[in-house]
Amino acid sequence: MLTSKPGLLSGFHATQIRDLLEQRGVLVFPQIRFTDEEHVAFTKTLGRYAPDRPDEDVTAISLDMERNSSADYVKSSFFWHFDGYMNDVPILASIMCAKVLSPSGGKTEFANTYAAYEELPEQRKQQLETLSAVHALARAQLSVEPEPSYQTFKQWLSVPRNTLPVVWKHRSGRRSLVIGNTAVNILGMDPLEGIELLVWLRDWATQERFRYSHTWSVGDAVMWDNTGTLHRATSYASDSGRLMHRTKLAGEEPFN
């Protein structure tokens, strides 16, 4: 069974899990209660493990600076995004385990950008066919801090930006939307018209029919396809103690 910890750790179900992930976008393993060592071991059964830093096995996701040195950037995760825009080969998937819950808020929501593209009107698909957008950390951080100091803004700009197609043409033949809160603008379009299009696409892709909202229990593990979903956390207090541990699978396909 896919809810059996020994079965998951053995790798016996790895091919089935990978197939289900591509079909569904999000997989939930309720109250599986992985230890950090098991979390990493499970990740390695599914592909190439990609730690955020060589000296850490799992990444702590928290607004507590003592638990997460990058806590200042976590608040941008309250807005729809995908991970790894700055890499030509973005991560394939993430697996997140709930350790401590917030008393309120703190759900994680997912939107399927494969399904959202497939349901677009044909005229809109044609419009998007050759468009590209610039993605940058600065755009995501402006969602949280709209009036940064110049020094802070320059710090954000030190993180590489990337120009990506609005529609990702996958090797499988499927297509997904490449949008989210890192998208600055559409190349070649009037600035406001480009932003209008990005807002329309985000609004379209995050409709209820394309969305899943996960209410966490301690011990849950949730895995999502980073190449075909957007995700966000619903707002929670910085002193709530909420703590998630995350691992990632290395990417296998470049943007195209």
C-alpha atoms as a PDB file:
ATOM      1  CA  MET A   1       0.000   0.000   0.000  1.00  0.00           C
ATOM      2  CA  LEU A   2       1.129   3.564  -0.685  1.00  0.00           C
ATOM      3  CA  THR A   3       0.415   4.452   2.945  1.00  0.00           C
ATOM      4  CA  SER A   4       2.773   1.768   4.279  1.00  0.00           C
ATOM      5  CA  LYS A   5       6.020   3.312   5.471  1.00  0.00           C
ATOM      6  CA  PRO A   6       8.131   0.162   4.864  1.00  0.00           C
ATOM      7  CA  GLY A   7       6.719  -0.099   1.350  1.00  0.00           C
ATOM      8  CA  LEU A   8       7.489   3.530   0.587  1.00  0.00           C
ATOM      9  CA  LEU A   9      11.030   3.317   1.949  1.00  0.00           C
ATOM     10  CA  SER A  10      11.775   0.120   0.037  1.00  0.00           C
ATOM     11  CA  GLY A  11      11.394   1.873  -3.303  1.00  0.00           C
ATOM     12  CA  PHE A  12       8.991  -0.855  -4.460  1.00  0.00           C
ATOM     13  CA  HIS A  13       6.330   1.726  -5.329  1.00  0.00           C
ATOM     14  CA  ALA A  14       8.694   4.328  -6.845  1.00  0.00           C
ATOM     15  CA  THR A  15       7.587   3.882 -10.470  1.00  0.00           C
ATOM     16  CA  GLN A  16       3.913   3.954  -9.491  1.00  0.00           C
ATOM     17  CA  ILE A  17       4.451   7.087  -7.400  1.00  0.00           C
ATOM     18  CA  ARG A  18       6.253   8.840 -10.250  1.00  0.00           C
ATOM     19  CA  ASP A  19       3.425   7.949 -12.646  1.00  0.00           C
ATOM     20  CA  LEU A  20       0.759   9.124 -10.204  1.00  0.00           C
ATOM     21  CA  LEU A  21       2.629  12.375  -9.610  1.00  0.00           C
ATOM     22  CA  GLU A  22       2.655  13.176 -13.325  1.00  0.00           C
ATOM     23  CA  GLN A  23      -1.052  12.352 -13.587  1.00  0.00           C
ATOM     24  CA  ARG A  24      -2.269  14.107 -10.427  1.00  0.00           C
ATOM     25  CA  GLY A  25       0.310  16.820  -9.638  1.00  0.00           C
ATOM     26  CA  VAL A  26      -0.007  16.398  -5.857  1.00  0.00           C
ATOM     27  CA  LEU A  27       0.223  13.256  -3.702  1.00  0.00           C
ATOM     28  CA  VAL A  28      -0.649  13.081   0.006  1.00  0.00           C
ATOM     29  CA  PHE A  29       0.735  10.513   2.452  1.00  0.00           C
ATOM     30  CA  PRO A  30      -1.388  11.167   5.553  1.00  0.00           C
ATOM     31  CA  GLN A  31       0.339  10.978   8.934  1.00  0.00           C
ATOM     32  CA  ILE A  32       3.190   8.840   7.585  1.00  0.00           C
ATOM     33  CA  ARG A  33       5.436  10.439  10.246  1.00  0.00           C
ATOM     34  CA  PHE A  34       8.786  10.216   8.468  1.00  0.00           C
ATOM     35  CA  THR A  35      11.870  10.937  10.536  1.00  0.00           C
ATOM     36  CA  ASP A  36      14.329  13.221   8.734  1.00  0.00           C
ATOM     37  CA  GLU A  37      16.426  10.189   7.804  1.00  0.00           C
ATOM     38  CA  GLU A  38      13.373   8.388   6.397  1.00  0.00           C
ATOM     39  CA  HIS A  39      12.281  11.545   4.587  1.00  0.00           C
ATOM     40  CA  VAL A  40      15.625  11.702   2.766  1.00  0.00           C
ATOM     41  CA  ALA A  41      15.648   7.956   2.108  1.00  0.00           C
ATOM     42  CA  PHE A  42      12.150   8.102   0.583  1.00  0.00           C
ATOM     43  CA  THR A  43      13.180  11.013  -1.630  1.00  0.00           C
ATOM     44  CA  LYS A  44      16.168   9.074  -2.934  1.00  0.00           C
ATOM     45  CA  THR A  45      13.931   6.177  -4.033  1.00  0.00           C
ATOM     46  CA  LEU A  46      12.214   8.523  -6.492  1.00  0.00           C
ATOM     47  CA  GLY A  47      15.123  10.196  -8.264  1.00  0.00           C
ATOM     48  CA  ARG A  48      18.234  12.269  -7.649  1.00  0.00           C
ATOM     49  CA  TYR A  49      18.121  13.967  -4.269  1.00  0.00           C
ATOM     50  CA  ALA A  50      18.841  17.723  -4.388  1.00  0.00           C
ATOM     51  CA  PRO A  51      19.593  19.218  -0.953  1.00  0.00           C
ATOM     52  CA  ASP A  52      19.480  23.005  -0.717  1.00  0.00           C
ATOM     53  CA  ARG A  53      22.925  22.997   0.916  1.00  0.00           C
ATOM     54  CA  PRO A  54      25.602  20.284   1.056  1.00  0.00           C
ATOM     55  CA  ASP A  55      25.648  20.414   4.862  1.00  0.00           C
ATOM     56  CA  GLU A  56      21.931  19.768   5.449  1.00  0.00           C
ATOM     57  CA  ASP A  57      19.671  16.806   4.823  1.00  0.00           C
ATOM     58  CA  VAL A  58      16.273  18.487   5.032  1.00  0.00           C
ATOM     59  CA  THR A  59      15.374  22.159   4.739  1.00  0.00           C
ATOM     60  CA  ALA A  60      13.415  23.756   7.589  1.00  0.00           C
ATOM     61  CA  ILE A  61      10.558  25.955   6.345  1.00  0.00           C
ATOM     62  CA  SER A  62       9.668  28.404   9.105  1.00  0.00           C
ATOM     63  CA  LEU A  63       9.231  32.106   9.785  1.00  0.00           C
ATOM     64  CA  ASP A  64      11.423  31.647  12.877  1.00  0.00           C
ATOM     65  CA  MET A  65      14.904  33.044  12.156  1.00  0.00           C
ATOM     66  CA  GLU A  66      16.417  30.632  14.682  1.00  0.00           C
ATOM     67  CA  ARG A  67      15.161  27.664  12.668  1.00  0.00           C
ATOM     68  CA  ASN A  68      15.510  29.111   9.189  1.00  0.00           C
ATOM     69  CA  SER A  69      18.197  31.616   8.205  1.00  0.00           C
ATOM     70  CA  SER A  70      16.153  32.434   5.067  1.00  0.00           C
ATOM     71  CA  ALA A  71      12.978  33.221   7.003  1.00  0.00           C
ATOM     72  CA  ASP A  72      12.844  36.731   5.505  1.00  0.00           C
ATOM     73  CA  TYR A  73      12.092  35.146   2.140  1.00  0.00           C
ATOM     74  CA  VAL A  74       9.459  32.676   3.351  1.00  0.00           C
ATOM     75  CA  LYS A  75       6.661  35.252   3.404  1.00  0.00           C
ATOM     76  CA  SER A  76       6.780  35.456  -0.394  1.00  0.00           C
ATOM     77  CA  SER A  77       5.561  31.842  -0.326  1.00  0.00           C
ATOM     78  CA  PHE A  78       2.154  33.232   0.715  1.00  0.00           C
ATOM     79  CA  PHE A  79       1.734  34.034  -3.002  1.00  0.00           C
ATOM     80  CA  TRP A  80       1.420  31.614  -5.926  1.00  0.00           C
ATOM     81  CA  HIS A  81       4.811  30.438  -7.199  1.00  0.00           C
ATOM     82  CA  PHE A  82       6.915  27.532  -8.374  1.00  0.00           C
ATOM     83  CA  ASP A  83      10.480  26.782  -7.253  1.00  0.00           C
ATOM     84  CA  GLY A  84      13.731  27.101  -9.164  1.00  0.00           C
ATOM     85  CA  TYR A  85      12.857  29.699 -11.800  1.00  0.00           C
ATOM     86  CA  MET A  86      16.537  30.790 -11.870  1.00  0.00           C
ATOM     87  CA  ASN A  87      17.681  27.371 -13.084  1.00  0.00           C
ATOM     88  CA  ASP A  88      17.370  26.238 -16.697  1.00  0.00           C
ATOM     89  CA  VAL A  89      16.465  22.799 -15.292  1.00  0.00           C
ATOM     90  CA  PRO A  90      14.113  23.481 -12.351  1.00  0.00           C
ATOM     91  CA  ILE A  91      13.571  20.948  -9.600  1.00  0.00           C
ATOM     92  CA  LEU A  92      11.247  18.078 -10.463  1.00  0.00           C
ATOM     93  CA  ALA A  93       9.357  17.811  -7.190  1.00  0.00           C
ATOM     94  CA  SER A  94       9.289  18.654  -3.493  1.00  0.00           C
ATOM     95  CA  ILE A  95       8.263  16.516  -0.544  1.00  0.00           C
ATOM     96  CA  MET A  96       7.207  18.391   2.584  1.00  0.00           C
ATOM     97  CA  CYS A  97       6.504  16.930   6.016  1.00  0.00           C
ATOM     98  CA  ALA A  98       4.563  18.679   8.778  1.00  0.00           C
ATOM     99  CA  LYS A  99       6.395  18.868  12.115  1.00  0.00           C
ATOM    100  CA  VAL A 100       4.637  21.716  13.985  1.00  0.00           C
ATOM    101  CA  LEU A 101       1.336  23.304  12.932  1.00  0.00           C
ATOM    102  CA  SER A 102       0.131  26.871  13.207  1.00  0.00           C
ATOM    103  CA  PRO A 103      -2.977  27.354  15.399  1.00  0.00           C
ATOM    104  CA  SER A 104      -4.595  29.111  12.422  1.00  0.00           C
ATOM    105  CA  GLY A 105      -3.784  29.437   8.746  1.00  0.00           C
ATOM    106  CA  GLY A 106      -0.815  27.577   7.320  1.00  0.00           C
ATOM    107  CA  LYS A 107      -2.622  25.445   4.751  1.00  0.00           C
ATOM    108  CA  THR A 108      -0.759  24.702   1.533  1.00  0.00           C
ATOM    109  CA  GLU A 109      -2.607  25.216  -1.732  1.00  0.00           C
ATOM    110  CA  PHE A 110      -1.706  23.834  -5.149  1.00  0.00           C
ATOM    111  CA  ALA A 111      -2.868  24.737  -8.659  1.00  0.00           C
ATOM    112  CA  ASN A 112      -2.406  22.428 -11.654  1.00  0.00           C
ATOM    113  CA  THR A 113      -0.839  24.411 -14.501  1.00  0.00           C
ATOM    114  CA  TYR A 114      -1.129  21.477 -16.930  1.00  0.00           C
ATOM    115  CA  ALA A 115      -4.902  21.407 -16.519  1.00  0.00           C
ATOM    116  CA  ALA A 116      -5.088  25.193 -16.582  1.00  0.00           C
ATOM    117  CA  TYR A 117      -3.295  25.325 -19.927  1.00  0.00           C
ATOM    118  CA  GLU A 118      -5.376  22.519 -21.429  1.00  0.00           C
ATOM    119  CA  GLU A 119      -8.609  24.376 -20.605  1.00  0.00           C
ATOM    120  CA  LEU A 120      -7.501  27.728 -22.050  1.00  0.00           C
ATOM    121  CA  PRO A 121      -9.532  29.111 -24.955  1.00  0.00           C
ATOM    122  CA  GLU A 122      -7.777  28.355 -28.259  1.00  0.00           C
ATOM    123  CA  GLN A 123      -7.318  32.060 -29.011  1.00  0.00           C
ATOM    124  CA  ARG A 124      -5.463  32.510 -25.713  1.00  0.00           C
ATOM    125  CA  LYS A 125      -3.269  29.481 -26.412  1.00  0.00           C
ATOM    126  CA  GLN A 126      -2.276  31.005 -29.736  1.00  0.00           C
ATOM    127  CA  GLN A 127      -1.449  34.313 -28.057  1.00  0.00           C
ATOM    128  CA  LEU A 128       0.843  32.610 -25.532  1.00  0.00           C
ATOM    129  CA  GLU A 129       2.600  30.291 -28.003  1.00  0.00           C
ATOM    130  CA  THR A 130       5.769  32.379 -28.463  1.00  0.00           C
ATOM    131  CA  LEU A 131       5.695  34.635 -25.388  1.00  0.00           C
ATOM    132  CA  SER A 132       8.430  34.738 -22.729  1.00  0.00           C
ATOM    133  CA  ALA A 133       8.548  36.374 -19.302  1.00  0.00           C
ATOM    134  CA  VAL A 134      11.367  37.605 -17.095  1.00  0.00           C
ATOM    135  CA  HIS A 135      11.395  35.989 -13.630  1.00  0.00           C
ATOM    136  CA  ALA A 136      13.263  37.465 -10.657  1.00  0.00           C
ATOM    137  CA  LEU A 137      13.397  37.203  -6.874  1.00  0.00           C
ATOM    138  CA  ALA A 138      12.912  40.967  -6.644  1.00  0.00           C
ATOM    139  CA  ARG A 139       9.405  40.654  -8.070  1.00  0.00           C
ATOM    140  CA  ALA A 140       8.418  38.061  -5.470  1.00  0.00           C
ATOM    141  CA  GLN A 141       9.878  40.091  -2.609  1.00  0.00           C
ATOM    142  CA  LEU A 142       8.039  43.231  -3.698  1.00  0.00           C
ATOM    143  CA  SER A 143       4.836  41.331  -2.856  1.00  0.00           C
ATOM    144  CA  VAL A 144       5.993  41.292   0.767  1.00  0.00           C
ATOM    145  CA  GLU A 145       7.950  44.534   0.979  1.00  0.00           C
ATOM    146  CA  PRO A 146       6.662  46.969  -1.679  1.00  0.00           C
ATOM    147  CA  GLU A 147       8.938  49.855  -0.592  1.00  0.00           C
ATOM    148  CA  PRO A 148      12.385  48.336   0.088  1.00  0.00           C
ATOM    149  CA  SER A 149      15.488  50.387   0.652  1.00  0.00           C
ATOM    150  CA  TYR A 150      17.772  50.629  -2.367  1.00  0.00           C
ATOM    151  CA  GLN A 151      20.313  48.472  -0.537  1.00  0.00           C
ATOM    152  CA  THR A 152      17.711  45.748   0.031  1.00  0.00           C
ATOM    153  CA  PHE A 153      16.567  45.934  -3.591  1.00  0.00           C
ATOM    154  CA  LYS A 154      20.156  45.574  -4.833  1.00  0.00           C
ATOM    155  CA  GLN A 155      20.500  42.527  -2.592  1.00  0.00           C
ATOM    156  CA  TRP A 156      17.448  40.966  -4.232  1.00  0.00           C
ATOM    157  CA  LEU A 157      18.908  41.695  -7.665  1.00  0.00           C
ATOM    158  CA  SER A 158      22.033  39.711  -6.778  1.00  0.00           C
ATOM    159  CA  VAL A 159      19.955  36.538  -7.178  1.00  0.00           C
ATOM    160  CA  PRO A 160      20.018  35.521 -10.866  1.00  0.00           C
ATOM    161  CA  ARG A 161      16.995  36.299 -13.008  1.00  0.00           C
ATOM    162  CA  ASN A 162      15.826  34.159 -15.901  1.00  0.00           C
ATOM    163  CA  THR A 163      13.789  34.516 -19.075  1.00  0.00           C
ATOM    164  CA  LEU A 164      11.340  31.646 -19.453  1.00  0.00           C
ATOM    165  CA  PRO A 165       8.610  30.654 -21.900  1.00  0.00           C
ATOM    166  CA  VAL A 166       5.096  31.374 -20.693  1.00  0.00           C
ATOM    167  CA  VAL A 167       4.145  27.917 -21.987  1.00  0.00           C
ATOM    168  CA  TRP A 168       6.465  24.996 -21.177  1.00  0.00           C
ATOM    169  CA  LYS A 169       6.421  22.444 -24.008  1.00  0.00           C
ATOM    170  CA  HIS A 170       7.330  19.249 -22.175  1.00  0.00           C
ATOM    171  CA  ARG A 171       9.052  16.224 -23.697  1.00  0.00           C
ATOM    172  CA  SER A 172       5.904  14.224 -22.927  1.00  0.00           C
ATOM    173  CA  GLY A 173       3.956  16.409 -25.349  1.00  0.00           C
ATOM    174  CA  ARG A 174       1.998  18.054 -22.543  1.00  0.00           C
ATOM    175  CA  ARG A 175       2.118  21.799 -21.911  1.00  0.00           C
ATOM    176  CA  SER A 176       1.960  23.815 -18.694  1.00  0.00           C
ATOM    177  CA  LEU A 177       1.895  27.482 -17.761  1.00  0.00           C
ATOM    178  CA  VAL A 178       5.079  29.034 -16.343  1.00  0.00           C
ATOM    179  CA  ILE A 179       3.748  31.867 -14.197  1.00  0.00           C
ATOM    180  CA  GLY A 180       3.687  32.984 -10.557  1.00  0.00           C
ATOM    181  CA  ASN A 181       4.877  35.754  -8.288  1.00  0.00           C
ATOM    182  CA  THR A 182       8.422  35.790  -9.722  1.00  0.00           C
ATOM    183  CA  ALA A 183       7.175  36.882 -13.166  1.00  0.00           C
ATOM    184  CA  VAL A 184       8.187  40.505 -13.745  1.00  0.00           C
ATOM    185  CA  ASN A 185       6.749  41.126 -17.195  1.00  0.00           C
ATOM    186  CA  ILE A 186       6.240  39.767 -20.702  1.00  0.00           C
ATOM    187  CA  LEU A 187       9.020  40.491 -23.173  1.00  0.00           C
ATOM    188  CA  GLY A 188       7.956  42.754 -26.025  1.00  0.00           C
ATOM    189  CA  MET A 189       4.684  43.848 -24.456  1.00  0.00           C
ATOM    190  CA  ASP A 190       3.639  47.209 -23.047  1.00  0.00           C
ATOM    191  CA  PRO A 191       4.488  46.985 -19.302  1.00  0.00           C
ATOM    192  CA  LEU A 192       0.914  47.342 -18.068  1.00  0.00           C
ATOM    193  CA  GLU A 193      -0.489  45.048 -20.750  1.00  0.00           C
ATOM    194  CA  GLY A 194       2.110  42.441 -19.815  1.00  0.00           C
ATOM    195  CA  ILE A 195       1.187  42.655 -16.148  1.00  0.00           C
ATOM    196  CA  GLU A 196      -2.502  42.476 -17.080  1.00  0.00           C
ATOM    197  CA  LEU A 197      -1.866  39.229 -18.966  1.00  0.00           C
ATOM    198  CA  LEU A 198       0.125  37.733 -16.075  1.00  0.00           C
ATOM    199  CA  VAL A 199      -2.642  38.619 -13.612  1.00  0.00           C
ATOM    200  CA  TRP A 200      -5.259  37.091 -15.928  1.00  0.00           C
ATOM    201  CA  LEU A 201      -3.228  33.887 -16.247  1.00  0.00           C
ATOM    202  CA  ARG A 202      -2.684  33.593 -12.500  1.00  0.00           C
ATOM    203  CA  ASP A 203      -6.384  34.176 -11.879  1.00  0.00           C
ATOM    204  CA  TRP A 204      -7.268  31.568 -14.508  1.00  0.00           C
ATOM    205  CA  ALA A 205      -4.798  28.926 -13.309  1.00  0.00           C
ATOM    206  CA  THR A 206      -5.786  29.187  -9.648  1.00  0.00           C
ATOM    207  CA  GLN A 207      -9.533  28.695 -10.124  1.00  0.00           C
ATOM    208  CA  GLU A 208     -11.102  26.225  -7.720  1.00  0.00           C
ATOM    209  CA  ARG A 209     -11.443  23.575 -10.459  1.00  0.00           C
ATOM    210  CA  PHE A 210      -7.650  23.475 -10.884  1.00  0.00           C
ATOM    211  CA  ARG A 211      -6.816  23.789  -7.170  1.00  0.00           C
ATOM    212  CA  TYR A 212      -6.263  21.571  -4.141  1.00  0.00           C
ATOM    213  CA  SER A 213      -5.976  22.960  -0.592  1.00  0.00           C
ATOM    214  CA  HIS A 214      -4.262  20.773   1.990  1.00  0.00           C
ATOM    215  CA  THR A 215      -5.102  21.133   5.667  1.00  0.00           C
ATOM    216  CA  TRP A 216      -2.126  19.661   7.499  1.00  0.00           C
ATOM    217  CA  SER A 217      -1.969  17.120  10.294  1.00  0.00           C
ATOM    218  CA  VAL A 218       1.306  16.524  12.095  1.00  0.00           C
ATOM    219  CA  GLY A 219       3.150  13.743  10.284  1.00  0.00           C
ATOM    220  CA  ASP A 220       1.595  14.338   6.860  1.00  0.00           C
ATOM    221  CA  ALA A 221       3.902  14.195   3.851  1.00  0.00           C
ATOM    222  CA  VAL A 222       2.843  15.970   0.658  1.00  0.00           C
ATOM    223  CA  MET A 223       4.657  15.651  -2.651  1.00  0.00           C
ATOM    224  CA  TRP A 224       4.061  17.923  -5.622  1.00  0.00           C
ATOM    225  CA  ASP A 225       5.214  18.168  -9.216  1.00  0.00           C
ATOM    226  CA  ASN A 226       7.099  21.449  -9.432  1.00  0.00           C
ATOM    227  CA  THR A 227       7.049  21.365 -13.231  1.00  0.00           C
ATOM    228  CA  GLY A 228       3.258  21.436 -13.491  1.00  0.00           C
ATOM    229  CA  THR A 229       1.906  23.139 -10.383  1.00  0.00           C
ATOM    230  CA  LEU A 230       1.942  26.424  -8.525  1.00  0.00           C
ATOM    231  CA  HIS A 231       1.776  26.418  -4.744  1.00  0.00           C
ATOM    232  CA  ARG A 232       1.396  28.803  -1.829  1.00  0.00           C
ATOM    233  CA  ALA A 233       0.935  28.755   1.936  1.00  0.00           C
ATOM    234  CA  THR A 234      -2.040  30.509   3.449  1.00  0.00           C
ATOM    235  CA  SER A 235      -0.985  33.236   5.870  1.00  0.00           C
ATOM    236  CA  TYR A 236       0.063  32.338   9.407  1.00  0.00           C
ATOM    237  CA  ALA A 237       1.638  34.292  12.264  1.00  0.00           C
ATOM    238  CA  SER A 238       5.428  34.558  12.417  1.00  0.00           C
ATOM    239  CA  ASP A 239       5.363  33.465  16.069  1.00  0.00           C
ATOM    240  CA  SER A 240       3.054  30.485  15.429  1.00  0.00           C
ATOM    241  CA  GLY A 241       5.868  27.940  15.588  1.00  0.00           C
ATOM    242  CA  ARG A 242       4.824  26.370  12.260  1.00  0.00           C
ATOM    243  CA  LEU A 243       7.619  24.115  11.029  1.00  0.00           C
ATOM    244  CA  MET A 244       7.839  22.044   7.875  1.00  0.00           C
ATOM    245  CA  HIS A 245      10.739  19.939   6.640  1.00  0.00           C
ATOM    246  CA  ARG A 246      11.275  19.745   2.880  1.00  0.00           C
ATOM    247  CA  THR A 247      13.342  17.705   0.464  1.00  0.00           C
ATOM    248  CA  LYS A 248      13.621  18.121  -3.309  1.00  0.00           C
ATOM    249  CA  LEU A 249      14.152  15.947  -6.355  1.00  0.00           C
ATOM    250  CA  ALA A 250      16.604  17.300  -8.922  1.00  0.00           C
ATOM    251  CA  GLY A 251      15.169  18.451 -12.220  1.00  0.00           C
ATOM    252  CA  GLU A 252      15.242  16.200 -15.262  1.00  0.00           C
ATOM    253  CA  GLU A 253      13.950  18.465 -18.033  1.00  0.00           C
ATOM    254  CA  PRO A 254      14.929  22.005 -19.086  1.00  0.00           C
ATOM    255  CA  PHE A 255      12.391  24.736 -19.768  1.00  0.00           C
ATOM    256  CA  ASN A 256      11.405  24.685 -23.420  1.00  0.00           C
END
